[in-house]
C-alpha atoms as a PDB file:
ATOM      1  CA  MET A   1      92.789  93.006 110.326  1.00  0.00           C
ATOM      2  CA  GLY A   2      93.955  94.840 107.125  1.00  0.00           C
ATOM      3  CA  LEU A   3      95.043  93.106 104.052  1.00  0.00           C
ATOM      4  CA  ALA A   4      98.515  92.612 102.943  1.00  0.00           C
ATOM      5  CA  THR A   5      99.852  94.018  99.691  1.00  0.00           C
ATOM      6  CA  PRO A   6     103.364  92.116  99.171  1.00  0.00           C
ATOM      7  CA  HIS A   7     103.286  92.988  95.354  1.00  0.00           C
ATOM      8  CA  THR A   8     102.196  96.818  95.423  1.00  0.00           C
ATOM      9  CA  MET A   9     102.871  98.679  92.312  1.00  0.00           C
ATOM     10  CA  LYS A  10     104.072  96.155  90.136  1.00  0.00           C
ATOM     11  CA  GLN A  11     103.878  97.342  86.585  1.00  0.00           C
ATOM     12  CA  ASN A  12     102.851  95.301  83.503  1.00  0.00           C
ATOM     13  CA  ASN A  13     104.260  97.603  80.561  1.00  0.00           C
ATOM     14  CA  ALA A  14     102.588  95.273  78.003  1.00  0.00           C
ATOM     15  CA  LYS A  15      99.264  95.990  78.996  1.00  0.00           C
ATOM     16  CA  LYS A  16      99.927  99.481  80.663  1.00  0.00           C
ATOM     17  CA  SER A  17      98.522  98.314  83.859  1.00  0.00           C
ATOM     18  CA  VAL A  18      99.651  98.816  87.312  1.00  0.00           C
ATOM     19  CA  CYS A  19      99.247  96.069  90.396  1.00  0.00           C
ATOM     20  CA  LEU A  20      98.118  98.097  93.254  1.00  0.00           C
ATOM     21  CA  HIS A  21      97.176  95.371  95.542  1.00  0.00           C
ATOM     22  CA  ALA A  22      97.920  91.556  95.542  1.00  0.00           C
ATOM     23  CA  PHE A  23      97.459  89.011  98.362  1.00  0.00           C
ATOM     24  CA  LYS A  24      97.042  85.538  99.659  1.00  0.00           C
ATOM     25  CA  GLN A  25      96.552  85.058 103.139  1.00  0.00           C
ATOM     26  CA  ALA A  26      94.553  82.851 106.011  1.00  0.00           C
ATOM     27  CA  PHE A  27      91.963  84.699 107.640  1.00  0.00           C
ATOM     28  CA  GLY A  28      89.505  83.376 110.186  1.00  0.00           C
ATOM     29  CA  ALA A  29      88.028  79.988 108.926  1.00  0.00           C
ATOM     30  CA  GLY A  30      89.373  80.124 105.326  1.00  0.00           C
ATOM     31  CA  ARG A  31      91.725  82.132 102.859  1.00  0.00           C
ATOM     32  CA  LEU A  32      91.618  85.833 101.101  1.00  0.00           C
ATOM     33  CA  GLU A  33      92.956  86.086  97.720  1.00  0.00           C
ATOM     34  CA  GLY A  34      92.960  88.971  95.611  1.00  0.00           C
ATOM     35  CA  VAL A  35      94.355  91.403  93.123  1.00  0.00           C
ATOM     36  CA  VAL A  36      93.437  94.947  92.095  1.00  0.00           C
ATOM     37  CA  TRP A  37      95.046  96.492  88.760  1.00  0.00           C
ATOM     38  CA  GLN A  38      94.770  99.977  87.705  1.00  0.00           C
ATOM     39  CA  VAL A  39      94.314  99.692  83.666  1.00  0.00           C
ATOM     40  CA  ALA A  40      94.792 102.117  81.149  1.00  0.00           C
ATOM     41  CA  GLU A  41      90.975 101.732  79.798  1.00  0.00           C
ATOM     42  CA  PRO A  42      87.747 100.852  81.692  1.00  0.00           C
ATOM     43  CA  VAL A  43      86.810  96.951  81.260  1.00  0.00           C
ATOM     44  CA  PRO A  44      83.497  97.351  79.679  1.00  0.00           C
ATOM     45  CA  PRO A  45      80.819  98.139  80.950  1.00  0.00           C
ATOM     46  CA  ALA A  46      82.561  99.505  83.843  1.00  0.00           C
ATOM     47  CA  GLY A  47      83.153 103.217  83.289  1.00  0.00           C
ATOM     48  CA  HIS A  48      86.440 103.332  86.100  1.00  0.00           C
ATOM     49  CA  LEU A  49      90.050 102.483  85.350  1.00  0.00           C
ATOM     50  CA  TYR A  50      90.301  99.305  87.711  1.00  0.00           C
ATOM     51  CA  LYS A  51      90.312  95.430  87.204  1.00  0.00           C
ATOM     52  CA  TYR A  52      89.935  93.317  90.449  1.00  0.00           C
ATOM     53  CA  ARG A  53      88.744  90.090  91.787  1.00  0.00           C
ATOM     54  CA  LEU A  54      88.730  89.330  95.332  1.00  0.00           C
ATOM     55  CA  VAL A  55      87.786  86.115  96.847  1.00  0.00           C
ATOM     56  CA  TYR A  56      87.337  84.595 100.246  1.00  0.00           C
ATOM     57  CA  LEU A  57      87.562  80.595 100.149  1.00  0.00           C
ATOM     58  CA  ILE A  58      86.512  78.233 102.908  1.00  0.00           C
ATOM     59  CA  GLU A  59      87.607  74.397 102.362  1.00  0.00           C
ATOM     60  CA  GLY A  60      88.352  75.524  98.638  1.00  0.00           C
ATOM     61  CA  ARG A  61      84.801  76.877  98.055  1.00  0.00           C
ATOM     62  CA  ARG A  62      84.057  80.591  97.213  1.00  0.00           C
ATOM     63  CA  VAL A  63      82.083  82.177 100.289  1.00  0.00           C
ATOM     64  CA  VAL A  64      82.644  85.844  99.264  1.00  0.00           C
ATOM     65  CA  GLY A  65      83.643  87.230  95.762  1.00  0.00           C
ATOM     66  CA  TYR A  66      83.926  90.577  93.985  1.00  0.00           C
ATOM     67  CA  ASP A  67      85.151  91.023  90.580  1.00  0.00           C
ATOM     68  CA  ASN A  68      84.493  92.905  87.460  1.00  0.00           C
ATOM     69  CA  GLU A  69      84.883  90.733  84.436  1.00  0.00           C
ATOM     70  CA  ARG A  70      84.404  92.003  81.042  1.00  0.00           C
ATOM     71  CA  GLY A  71      80.722  91.790  79.911  1.00  0.00           C
ATOM     72  CA  LYS A  72      79.503  91.630  83.308  1.00  0.00           C
ATOM     73  CA  GLY A  73      80.483  94.619  84.983  1.00  0.00           C
ATOM     74  CA  ASP A  74      81.071  94.890  88.762  1.00  0.00           C
ATOM     75  CA  HIS A  75      79.351  92.345  90.753  1.00  0.00           C
ATOM     76  CA  LYS A  76      79.800  90.207  93.903  1.00  0.00           C
ATOM     77  CA  HIS A  77      79.243  86.801  94.961  1.00  0.00           C
ATOM     78  CA  LEU A  78      77.958  85.880  98.332  1.00  0.00           C
ATOM     79  CA  SER A  79      77.619  82.115  98.857  1.00  0.00           C
ATOM     80  CA  ASN A  80      75.887  80.905  95.417  1.00  0.00           C
ATOM     81  CA  VAL A  81      73.916  84.472  94.948  1.00  0.00           C
ATOM     82  CA  GLU A  82      75.342  86.986  92.270  1.00  0.00           C
ATOM     83  CA  SER A  83      74.247  90.674  92.691  1.00  0.00           C
ATOM     84  CA  ALA A  84      75.317  93.739  91.214  1.00  0.00           C
ATOM     85  CA  TYR A  85      78.100  95.880  93.095  1.00  0.00           C
ATOM     86  CA  GLN A  86      78.307  99.871  92.890  1.00  0.00           C
ATOM     87  CA  PHE A  87      81.826 100.642  92.602  1.00  0.00           C
ATOM     88  CA  VAL A  88      83.110 103.709  94.234  1.00  0.00           C
ATOM     89  CA  ASP A  89      86.750 103.431  94.769  1.00  0.00           C
ATOM     90  CA  VAL A  90      89.455 100.942  95.809  1.00  0.00           C
ATOM     91  CA  PRO A  91      89.333 101.588  99.566  1.00  0.00           C
ATOM     92  CA  THR A  92      85.653 101.268  99.426  1.00  0.00           C
ATOM     93  CA  LEU A  93      85.850  98.151  97.591  1.00  0.00           C
ATOM     94  CA  LEU A  94      88.573  96.630  99.866  1.00  0.00           C
ATOM     95  CA  ASN A  95      86.330  97.534 102.899  1.00  0.00           C
ATOM     96  CA  ASP A  96      83.187  96.244 101.469  1.00  0.00           C
ATOM     97  CA  PHE A  97      84.778  92.929 100.543  1.00  0.00           C
ATOM     98  CA  MET A  98      86.206  92.720 104.079  1.00  0.00           C
ATOM     99  CA  HIS A  99      82.701  93.493 105.698  1.00  0.00           C
ATOM    100  CA  ASP A 100      81.072  90.508 103.874  1.00  0.00           C
ATOM    101  CA  VAL A 101      84.092  88.390 104.712  1.00  0.00           C
ATOM    102  CA  GLN A 102      83.465  89.310 108.402  1.00  0.00           C
ATOM    103  CA  GLU A 103      79.777  88.776 107.905  1.00  0.00           C
ATOM    104  CA  VAL A 104      80.142  84.972 107.153  1.00  0.00           C
ATOM    105  CA  GLN A 105      82.664  84.029 109.770  1.00  0.00           C
ATOM    106  CA  PRO A 106      81.566  81.081 111.976  1.00  0.00           C
END
């Protein structure tokens, strides 16, 4: 199942960023939520031009999460374990996220 992109290419002129994907939808036993922005400058320490947060929730609890917050860089959360994530590109990011979501299905 693919991810919906109802807000594709919304532009935020104040920050010079473009929303490439935004979604909230039911999936399996839980809910997918996410946003991927193309930004004007990298979010340190990442060297790429994307800011993202992707989460899969079951009963309001994060089971899978991918994000790249400032100061931490690219990483993912699987249940309560956080580990580094090697960002390649946006399609790979979304595929890796969905792979991990599929792995946690009951």
